[in-house]
Amino acid sequence: MRASTADPVDPTEPLPRSFFDRPVLAVAADLLGRTVVHETEAGPVELRLTEVEAYDGANDPGSHAFRGRTARNATMFGPPGHLYVYFTYGMYYCANLVCGPPGRASGVLLRGGEITAGTALARARRPTTRRDTDLASGPARLAMALALDRTQDGTDVCDPTGPVRVLYGTPPARTAVRTGPRTGVGGGGATQPWRFHIDGDPTVSPYRAHQPRKRTAKPSAEAGSQSG
């Protein structure tokens, strides 16, 4: 299923559901370079994914679904190819793509991307951003730039007529993909090398090790993990 820049695939076509109906680590690595588009009444914004993290449900202490199904994480249990959007730190949203078979929760957190269309609209949503490379660098920033919130939770991203779609895009060369520990994940999931990013891309957010949460400190919009 992995495409390359040489694949004869229309980059504007939505990815099929079979793309997401695979193990989470395979999907996560393969999402780099794909295009996410959200069409709203204000207009469309598109971005090319440059950074993601995998979360493996019951096998992963860092996952929201590690302890089972709740009202908050229900979308993670499938079917694959849907958005799981959650609210964190009392102020931010983060977006994930559900993968794997229905009933087995797993998902990929969208951590960073390059805005490729609708830059002016993304800037209006993030007016304090100084550089365009920072518009969607970090999961909360990405969600703000794309205007994703709990309203989009459960959205089918494989529907070619839907408001949020994930397109084939232009995946990077395999040699450009890097892995490492996930940002902000502690405990038993701290050392898993399940963060995937495009080497040298300026929109990739800086890695931050897990720190105990301080209730009085405002977290950065660069931060964010399913452990939050």
C-alpha atoms as a PDB file:
ATOM      1  CA  MET A   1       0.000   0.000   0.000  1.00  0.00           C
ATOM      2  CA  ARG A   2       2.960   2.329   0.454  1.00  0.00           C
ATOM      3  CA  ALA A   3       3.123   4.826  -2.397  1.00  0.00           C
ATOM      4  CA  SER A   4       6.164   6.736  -3.562  1.00  0.00           C
ATOM      5  CA  THR A   5       6.733   9.880  -5.565  1.00  0.00           C
ATOM      6  CA  ALA A   6       6.951   7.650  -8.652  1.00  0.00           C
ATOM      7  CA  ASP A   7       3.575   5.948  -8.135  1.00  0.00           C
ATOM      8  CA  PRO A   8       1.035   6.586 -10.939  1.00  0.00           C
ATOM      9  CA  VAL A   9      -1.620   7.630  -8.406  1.00  0.00           C
ATOM     10  CA  ASP A  10      -3.569  10.886  -8.575  1.00  0.00           C
ATOM     11  CA  PRO A  11      -2.309  12.738  -5.467  1.00  0.00           C
ATOM     12  CA  THR A  12      -5.698  14.443  -5.089  1.00  0.00           C
ATOM     13  CA  GLU A  13      -7.594  11.149  -4.682  1.00  0.00           C
ATOM     14  CA  PRO A  14      -8.685  10.132  -1.156  1.00  0.00           C
ATOM     15  CA  LEU A  15      -6.883   7.203   0.422  1.00  0.00           C
ATOM     16  CA  PRO A  16      -9.064   4.052   0.482  1.00  0.00           C
ATOM     17  CA  ARG A  17     -10.296   2.513   3.722  1.00  0.00           C
ATOM     18  CA  SER A  18      -7.948  -0.428   3.196  1.00  0.00           C
ATOM     19  CA  PHE A  19      -5.042   1.986   3.757  1.00  0.00           C
ATOM     20  CA  PHE A  20      -6.203   2.542   7.338  1.00  0.00           C
ATOM     21  CA  ASP A  21      -7.278  -1.062   7.971  1.00  0.00           C
ATOM     22  CA  ARG A  22      -3.707  -2.106   8.831  1.00  0.00           C
ATOM     23  CA  PRO A  23      -1.465  -2.210  11.923  1.00  0.00           C
ATOM     24  CA  VAL A  24      -0.981   1.254  13.400  1.00  0.00           C
ATOM     25  CA  LEU A  25       2.801   1.369  12.910  1.00  0.00           C
ATOM     26  CA  ALA A  26       2.444   0.631   9.206  1.00  0.00           C
ATOM     27  CA  VAL A  27      -0.205   3.309   8.796  1.00  0.00           C
ATOM     28  CA  ALA A  28       1.749   5.910  10.787  1.00  0.00           C
ATOM     29  CA  ALA A  29       4.931   5.588   8.724  1.00  0.00           C
ATOM     30  CA  ASP A  30       2.892   5.642   5.531  1.00  0.00           C
ATOM     31  CA  LEU A  31       0.953   8.812   6.416  1.00  0.00           C
ATOM     32  CA  LEU A  32       3.947  11.096   5.987  1.00  0.00           C
ATOM     33  CA  GLY A  33       3.565  13.214   2.879  1.00  0.00           C
ATOM     34  CA  ARG A  34      -0.178  12.622   2.630  1.00  0.00           C
ATOM     35  CA  THR A  35      -2.515  15.601   2.258  1.00  0.00           C
ATOM     36  CA  VAL A  36      -5.213  16.441   4.788  1.00  0.00           C
ATOM     37  CA  VAL A  37      -7.913  18.834   3.596  1.00  0.00           C
ATOM     38  CA  HIS A  38     -10.796  20.388   5.543  1.00  0.00           C
ATOM     39  CA  GLU A  39     -13.419  22.308   3.597  1.00  0.00           C
ATOM     40  CA  THR A  40     -15.475  24.772   5.638  1.00  0.00           C
ATOM     41  CA  GLU A  41     -17.812  27.637   4.790  1.00  0.00           C
ATOM     42  CA  ALA A  42     -14.801  29.940   5.073  1.00  0.00           C
ATOM     43  CA  GLY A  43     -12.921  27.906   2.488  1.00  0.00           C
ATOM     44  CA  PRO A  44     -10.541  24.925   2.296  1.00  0.00           C
ATOM     45  CA  VAL A  45      -7.210  24.482   4.049  1.00  0.00           C
ATOM     46  CA  GLU A  46      -4.812  21.730   3.019  1.00  0.00           C
ATOM     47  CA  LEU A  47      -1.604  20.500   4.606  1.00  0.00           C
ATOM     48  CA  ARG A  48       1.052  17.900   3.879  1.00  0.00           C
ATOM     49  CA  LEU A  49       1.742  15.705   6.904  1.00  0.00           C
ATOM     50  CA  THR A  50       5.330  15.870   8.115  1.00  0.00           C
ATOM     51  CA  GLU A  51       5.060  14.408  11.633  1.00  0.00           C
ATOM     52  CA  VAL A  52       2.819  11.784  13.260  1.00  0.00           C
ATOM     53  CA  GLU A  53       2.740   9.443  16.261  1.00  0.00           C
ATOM     54  CA  ALA A  54       1.281   5.932  16.592  1.00  0.00           C
ATOM     55  CA  TYR A  55      -0.866   4.831  19.553  1.00  0.00           C
ATOM     56  CA  ASP A  56      -1.676   1.131  19.891  1.00  0.00           C
ATOM     57  CA  GLY A  57      -4.683   0.933  22.190  1.00  0.00           C
ATOM     58  CA  ALA A  58      -4.653  -1.903  24.710  1.00  0.00           C
ATOM     59  CA  ASN A  59      -0.967  -2.629  23.958  1.00  0.00           C
ATOM     60  CA  ASP A  60       0.150   0.929  24.662  1.00  0.00           C
ATOM     61  CA  PRO A  61       0.148   2.656  28.089  1.00  0.00           C
ATOM     62  CA  GLY A  62       0.400   5.994  26.269  1.00  0.00           C
ATOM     63  CA  SER A  63      -2.899   5.489  24.440  1.00  0.00           C
ATOM     64  CA  HIS A  64      -6.289   6.865  25.490  1.00  0.00           C
ATOM     65  CA  ALA A  65      -7.700   3.385  24.846  1.00  0.00           C
ATOM     66  CA  PHE A  66      -5.218   1.501  27.069  1.00  0.00           C
ATOM     67  CA  ARG A  67      -7.817   1.004  29.816  1.00  0.00           C
ATOM     68  CA  GLY A  68     -10.746   0.341  27.515  1.00  0.00           C
ATOM     69  CA  ARG A  69     -13.616   2.118  25.823  1.00  0.00           C
ATOM     70  CA  THR A  70     -15.099   5.361  27.166  1.00  0.00           C
ATOM     71  CA  ALA A  71     -17.391   8.036  25.817  1.00  0.00           C
ATOM     72  CA  ARG A  72     -14.330  10.158  25.035  1.00  0.00           C
ATOM     73  CA  ASN A  73     -12.348   7.555  23.071  1.00  0.00           C
ATOM     74  CA  ALA A  74     -15.215   5.561  21.466  1.00  0.00           C
ATOM     75  CA  THR A  75     -14.238   6.616  17.940  1.00  0.00           C
ATOM     76  CA  MET A  76     -10.830   4.955  18.358  1.00  0.00           C
ATOM     77  CA  PHE A  77     -12.535   1.557  18.321  1.00  0.00           C
ATOM     78  CA  GLY A  78     -13.380   1.878  14.648  1.00  0.00           C
ATOM     79  CA  PRO A  79     -14.196   1.521  11.947  1.00  0.00           C
ATOM     80  CA  PRO A  80     -10.872   2.615  10.416  1.00  0.00           C
ATOM     81  CA  GLY A  81     -10.560   5.719   8.292  1.00  0.00           C
ATOM     82  CA  HIS A  82     -12.320   8.087  10.702  1.00  0.00           C
ATOM     83  CA  LEU A  83     -11.188  11.103  12.695  1.00  0.00           C
ATOM     84  CA  TYR A  84     -10.777  10.880  16.452  1.00  0.00           C
ATOM     85  CA  VAL A  85     -10.655  14.418  17.856  1.00  0.00           C
ATOM     86  CA  TYR A  86     -10.228  15.065  21.571  1.00  0.00           C
ATOM     87  CA  PHE A  87     -10.025  18.078  23.871  1.00  0.00           C
ATOM     88  CA  THR A  88      -6.940  18.384  26.076  1.00  0.00           C
ATOM     89  CA  TYR A  89      -5.505  20.684  28.738  1.00  0.00           C
ATOM     90  CA  GLY A  90      -8.876  22.453  28.829  1.00  0.00           C
ATOM     91  CA  MET A  91      -7.999  24.571  25.801  1.00  0.00           C
ATOM     92  CA  TYR A  92      -6.738  22.574  22.775  1.00  0.00           C
ATOM     93  CA  TYR A  93      -7.960  19.961  20.317  1.00  0.00           C
ATOM     94  CA  CYS A  94      -5.841  17.204  18.784  1.00  0.00           C
ATOM     95  CA  ALA A  95      -6.733  15.065  15.754  1.00  0.00           C
ATOM     96  CA  ASN A  96      -6.025  11.401  15.092  1.00  0.00           C
ATOM     97  CA  LEU A  97      -6.746   8.970  12.290  1.00  0.00           C
ATOM     98  CA  VAL A  98      -8.282   5.666  13.380  1.00  0.00           C
ATOM     99  CA  CYS A  99      -6.743   2.513  11.957  1.00  0.00           C
ATOM    100  CA  GLY A 100      -6.817  -1.257  12.343  1.00  0.00           C
ATOM    101  CA  PRO A 101      -9.856  -3.542  12.457  1.00  0.00           C
ATOM    102  CA  PRO A 102     -13.084  -2.414  14.160  1.00  0.00           C
ATOM    103  CA  GLY A 103     -13.111  -3.184  17.869  1.00  0.00           C
ATOM    104  CA  ARG A 104      -9.342  -2.955  18.262  1.00  0.00           C
ATOM    105  CA  ALA A 105      -8.560   0.655  19.146  1.00  0.00           C
ATOM    106  CA  SER A 106      -5.519   2.273  17.548  1.00  0.00           C
ATOM    107  CA  GLY A 107      -4.831   5.616  15.969  1.00  0.00           C
ATOM    108  CA  VAL A 108      -2.257   8.021  14.579  1.00  0.00           C
ATOM    109  CA  LEU A 109      -1.896  11.471  16.128  1.00  0.00           C
ATOM    110  CA  LEU A 110      -1.349  14.208  13.532  1.00  0.00           C
ATOM    111  CA  ARG A 111       1.562  16.155  15.014  1.00  0.00           C
ATOM    112  CA  GLY A 112       2.695  18.490  12.261  1.00  0.00           C
ATOM    113  CA  GLY A 113       2.330  19.550   8.659  1.00  0.00           C
ATOM    114  CA  GLU A 114       3.047  22.102   5.951  1.00  0.00           C
ATOM    115  CA  ILE A 115       0.117  24.258   4.844  1.00  0.00           C
ATOM    116  CA  THR A 116      -0.102  23.813   1.068  1.00  0.00           C
ATOM    117  CA  ALA A 117      -3.399  25.603   0.328  1.00  0.00           C
ATOM    118  CA  GLY A 118      -5.529  28.099   2.225  1.00  0.00           C
ATOM    119  CA  THR A 119      -2.565  29.728   3.950  1.00  0.00           C
ATOM    120  CA  ALA A 120      -4.365  33.045   4.471  1.00  0.00           C
ATOM    121  CA  LEU A 121      -7.256  31.271   6.206  1.00  0.00           C
ATOM    122  CA  ALA A 122      -4.856  29.265   8.372  1.00  0.00           C
ATOM    123  CA  ARG A 123      -3.115  32.519   9.346  1.00  0.00           C
ATOM    124  CA  ALA A 124      -6.474  34.052  10.297  1.00  0.00           C
ATOM    125  CA  ARG A 125      -7.098  31.107  12.622  1.00  0.00           C
ATOM    126  CA  ARG A 126      -3.635  31.477  14.144  1.00  0.00           C
ATOM    127  CA  PRO A 127      -3.055  35.265  14.006  1.00  0.00           C
ATOM    128  CA  THR A 128      -0.111  35.370  16.437  1.00  0.00           C
ATOM    129  CA  THR A 129       2.014  32.991  14.330  1.00  0.00           C
ATOM    130  CA  ARG A 130       5.074  34.710  12.893  1.00  0.00           C
ATOM    131  CA  ARG A 131       6.211  32.097  10.384  1.00  0.00           C
ATOM    132  CA  ASP A 132       4.135  29.995   8.021  1.00  0.00           C
ATOM    133  CA  THR A 133       6.216  26.962   8.978  1.00  0.00           C
ATOM    134  CA  ASP A 134       4.772  27.273  12.502  1.00  0.00           C
ATOM    135  CA  LEU A 135       1.109  27.362  11.432  1.00  0.00           C
ATOM    136  CA  ALA A 136       0.644  23.603  11.894  1.00  0.00           C
ATOM    137  CA  SER A 137       3.812  22.636  13.774  1.00  0.00           C
ATOM    138  CA  GLY A 138       2.476  20.710  16.760  1.00  0.00           C
ATOM    139  CA  PRO A 139      -0.828  18.823  17.126  1.00  0.00           C
ATOM    140  CA  ALA A 140      -2.868  21.645  18.658  1.00  0.00           C
ATOM    141  CA  ARG A 141      -1.602  24.122  16.078  1.00  0.00           C
ATOM    142  CA  LEU A 142      -2.448  21.664  13.317  1.00  0.00           C
ATOM    143  CA  ALA A 143      -5.993  21.250  14.617  1.00  0.00           C
ATOM    144  CA  MET A 144      -6.432  25.035  14.869  1.00  0.00           C
ATOM    145  CA  ALA A 145      -5.098  25.655  11.357  1.00  0.00           C
ATOM    146  CA  LEU A 146      -7.484  23.042   9.942  1.00  0.00           C
ATOM    147  CA  ALA A 147     -10.397  24.121  12.215  1.00  0.00           C
ATOM    148  CA  LEU A 148     -10.779  20.626  13.696  1.00  0.00           C
ATOM    149  CA  ASP A 149     -12.653  20.186  16.970  1.00  0.00           C
ATOM    150  CA  ARG A 150     -15.033  17.684  18.561  1.00  0.00           C
ATOM    151  CA  THR A 151     -17.573  18.525  15.860  1.00  0.00           C
ATOM    152  CA  GLN A 152     -15.425  16.537  13.434  1.00  0.00           C
ATOM    153  CA  ASP A 153     -14.970  13.547  15.763  1.00  0.00           C
ATOM    154  CA  GLY A 154     -16.078  10.440  13.865  1.00  0.00           C
ATOM    155  CA  THR A 155     -15.826  12.060  10.411  1.00  0.00           C
ATOM    156  CA  ASP A 156     -15.168   9.564   7.597  1.00  0.00           C
ATOM    157  CA  VAL A 157     -11.970  10.761   5.884  1.00  0.00           C
ATOM    158  CA  CYS A 158     -12.354   8.186   3.074  1.00  0.00           C
ATOM    159  CA  ASP A 159     -15.601   9.725   1.797  1.00  0.00           C
ATOM    160  CA  PRO A 160     -14.697  11.603  -1.420  1.00  0.00           C
ATOM    161  CA  THR A 161     -17.580  14.032  -0.778  1.00  0.00           C
ATOM    162  CA  GLY A 162     -16.856  14.560   2.922  1.00  0.00           C
ATOM    163  CA  PRO A 163     -15.556  17.818   4.453  1.00  0.00           C
ATOM    164  CA  VAL A 164     -12.357  16.232   5.804  1.00  0.00           C
ATOM    165  CA  ARG A 165     -10.348  13.969   3.538  1.00  0.00           C
ATOM    166  CA  VAL A 166      -6.915  12.375   3.504  1.00  0.00           C
ATOM    167  CA  LEU A 167      -5.453  12.315  -0.001  1.00  0.00           C
ATOM    168  CA  TYR A 168      -2.627  10.293  -1.541  1.00  0.00           C
ATOM    169  CA  GLY A 169      -0.388  13.378  -1.658  1.00  0.00           C
ATOM    170  CA  THR A 170       3.342  12.952  -2.236  1.00  0.00           C
ATOM    171  CA  PRO A 171       5.055  10.601   0.240  1.00  0.00           C
ATOM    172  CA  PRO A 172       8.745  11.212   0.919  1.00  0.00           C
ATOM    173  CA  ALA A 173      11.529   8.810   0.059  1.00  0.00           C
ATOM    174  CA  ARG A 174      11.926   6.074   2.658  1.00  0.00           C
ATOM    175  CA  THR A 175      15.415   7.379   3.438  1.00  0.00           C
ATOM    176  CA  ALA A 176      13.912  10.700   4.581  1.00  0.00           C
ATOM    177  CA  VAL A 177      11.731   9.137   7.308  1.00  0.00           C
ATOM    178  CA  ARG A 178      13.016   9.289  10.889  1.00  0.00           C
ATOM    179  CA  THR A 179      11.660   7.677  14.059  1.00  0.00           C
ATOM    180  CA  GLY A 180      12.035   8.342  17.768  1.00  0.00           C
ATOM    181  CA  PRO A 181      10.191   8.393  21.104  1.00  0.00           C
ATOM    182  CA  ARG A 182       6.850  10.168  21.255  1.00  0.00           C
ATOM    183  CA  THR A 183       6.614  13.697  22.582  1.00  0.00           C
ATOM    184  CA  GLY A 184       5.348  14.043  26.140  1.00  0.00           C
ATOM    185  CA  VAL A 185       4.702  10.327  26.698  1.00  0.00           C
ATOM    186  CA  GLY A 186       5.839   8.924  30.035  1.00  0.00           C
ATOM    187  CA  GLY A 187       5.589   5.633  31.885  1.00  0.00           C
ATOM    188  CA  GLY A 188       5.589   2.357  29.996  1.00  0.00           C
ATOM    189  CA  GLY A 189       5.208   4.010  26.602  1.00  0.00           C
ATOM    190  CA  ALA A 190       8.039   6.517  26.963  1.00  0.00           C
ATOM    191  CA  THR A 191      10.710   4.631  25.018  1.00  0.00           C
ATOM    192  CA  GLN A 192       8.655   3.318  22.098  1.00  0.00           C
ATOM    193  CA  PRO A 193      10.075   4.789  18.848  1.00  0.00           C
ATOM    194  CA  TRP A 194       6.608   5.484  17.476  1.00  0.00           C
ATOM    195  CA  ARG A 195       7.060   9.104  16.392  1.00  0.00           C
ATOM    196  CA  PHE A 196       7.620   9.421  12.636  1.00  0.00           C
ATOM    197  CA  HIS A 197       8.748  12.578  10.856  1.00  0.00           C
ATOM    198  CA  ILE A 198      10.353  13.822   7.656  1.00  0.00           C
ATOM    199  CA  ASP A 199      14.003  14.556   8.245  1.00  0.00           C
ATOM    200  CA  GLY A 200      14.937  18.232   8.078  1.00  0.00           C
ATOM    201  CA  ASP A 201      11.429  19.525   7.426  1.00  0.00           C
ATOM    202  CA  PRO A 202      10.964  22.935   9.127  1.00  0.00           C
ATOM    203  CA  THR A 203       7.369  22.180  10.120  1.00  0.00           C
ATOM    204  CA  VAL A 204       8.347  19.247  12.368  1.00  0.00           C
ATOM    205  CA  SER A 205       7.802  20.212  16.011  1.00  0.00           C
ATOM    206  CA  PRO A 206      10.684  19.949  18.507  1.00  0.00           C
ATOM    207  CA  TYR A 207      10.825  16.782  20.582  1.00  0.00           C
ATOM    208  CA  ARG A 208       9.964  17.253  24.240  1.00  0.00           C
ATOM    209  CA  ALA A 209      10.389  14.522  26.833  1.00  0.00           C
ATOM    210  CA  HIS A 210       7.597  13.816  29.315  1.00  0.00           C
ATOM    211  CA  GLN A 211       7.313  16.253  32.200  1.00  0.00           C
ATOM    212  CA  PRO A 212       4.897  15.933  35.112  1.00  0.00           C
ATOM    213  CA  ARG A 213       1.941  18.196  34.393  1.00  0.00           C
ATOM    214  CA  LYS A 214       1.842  21.459  36.313  1.00  0.00           C
ATOM    215  CA  ARG A 215      -1.709  22.646  36.738  1.00  0.00           C
ATOM    216  CA  THR A 216      -0.696  26.298  37.022  1.00  0.00           C
ATOM    217  CA  ALA A 217       1.383  26.367  33.832  1.00  0.00           C
ATOM    218  CA  LYS A 218      -0.182  26.916  30.419  1.00  0.00           C
ATOM    219  CA  PRO A 219       0.994  24.135  28.074  1.00  0.00           C
ATOM    220  CA  SER A 220       2.458  24.941  24.685  1.00  0.00           C
ATOM    221  CA  ALA A 221       0.395  24.332  21.553  1.00  0.00           C
ATOM    222  CA  GLU A 222       3.421  22.394  20.302  1.00  0.00           C
ATOM    223  CA  ALA A 223       2.792  19.848  23.031  1.00  0.00           C
ATOM    224  CA  GLY A 224       0.218  17.125  22.943  1.00  0.00           C
ATOM    225  CA  SER A 225       0.029  13.367  23.036  1.00  0.00           C
ATOM    226  CA  GLN A 226      -2.659  10.776  23.565  1.00  0.00           C
ATOM    227  CA  SER A 227      -1.372  10.420  27.100  1.00  0.00           C
ATOM    228  CA  GLY A 228      -2.678  13.921  27.762  1.00  0.00           C
END
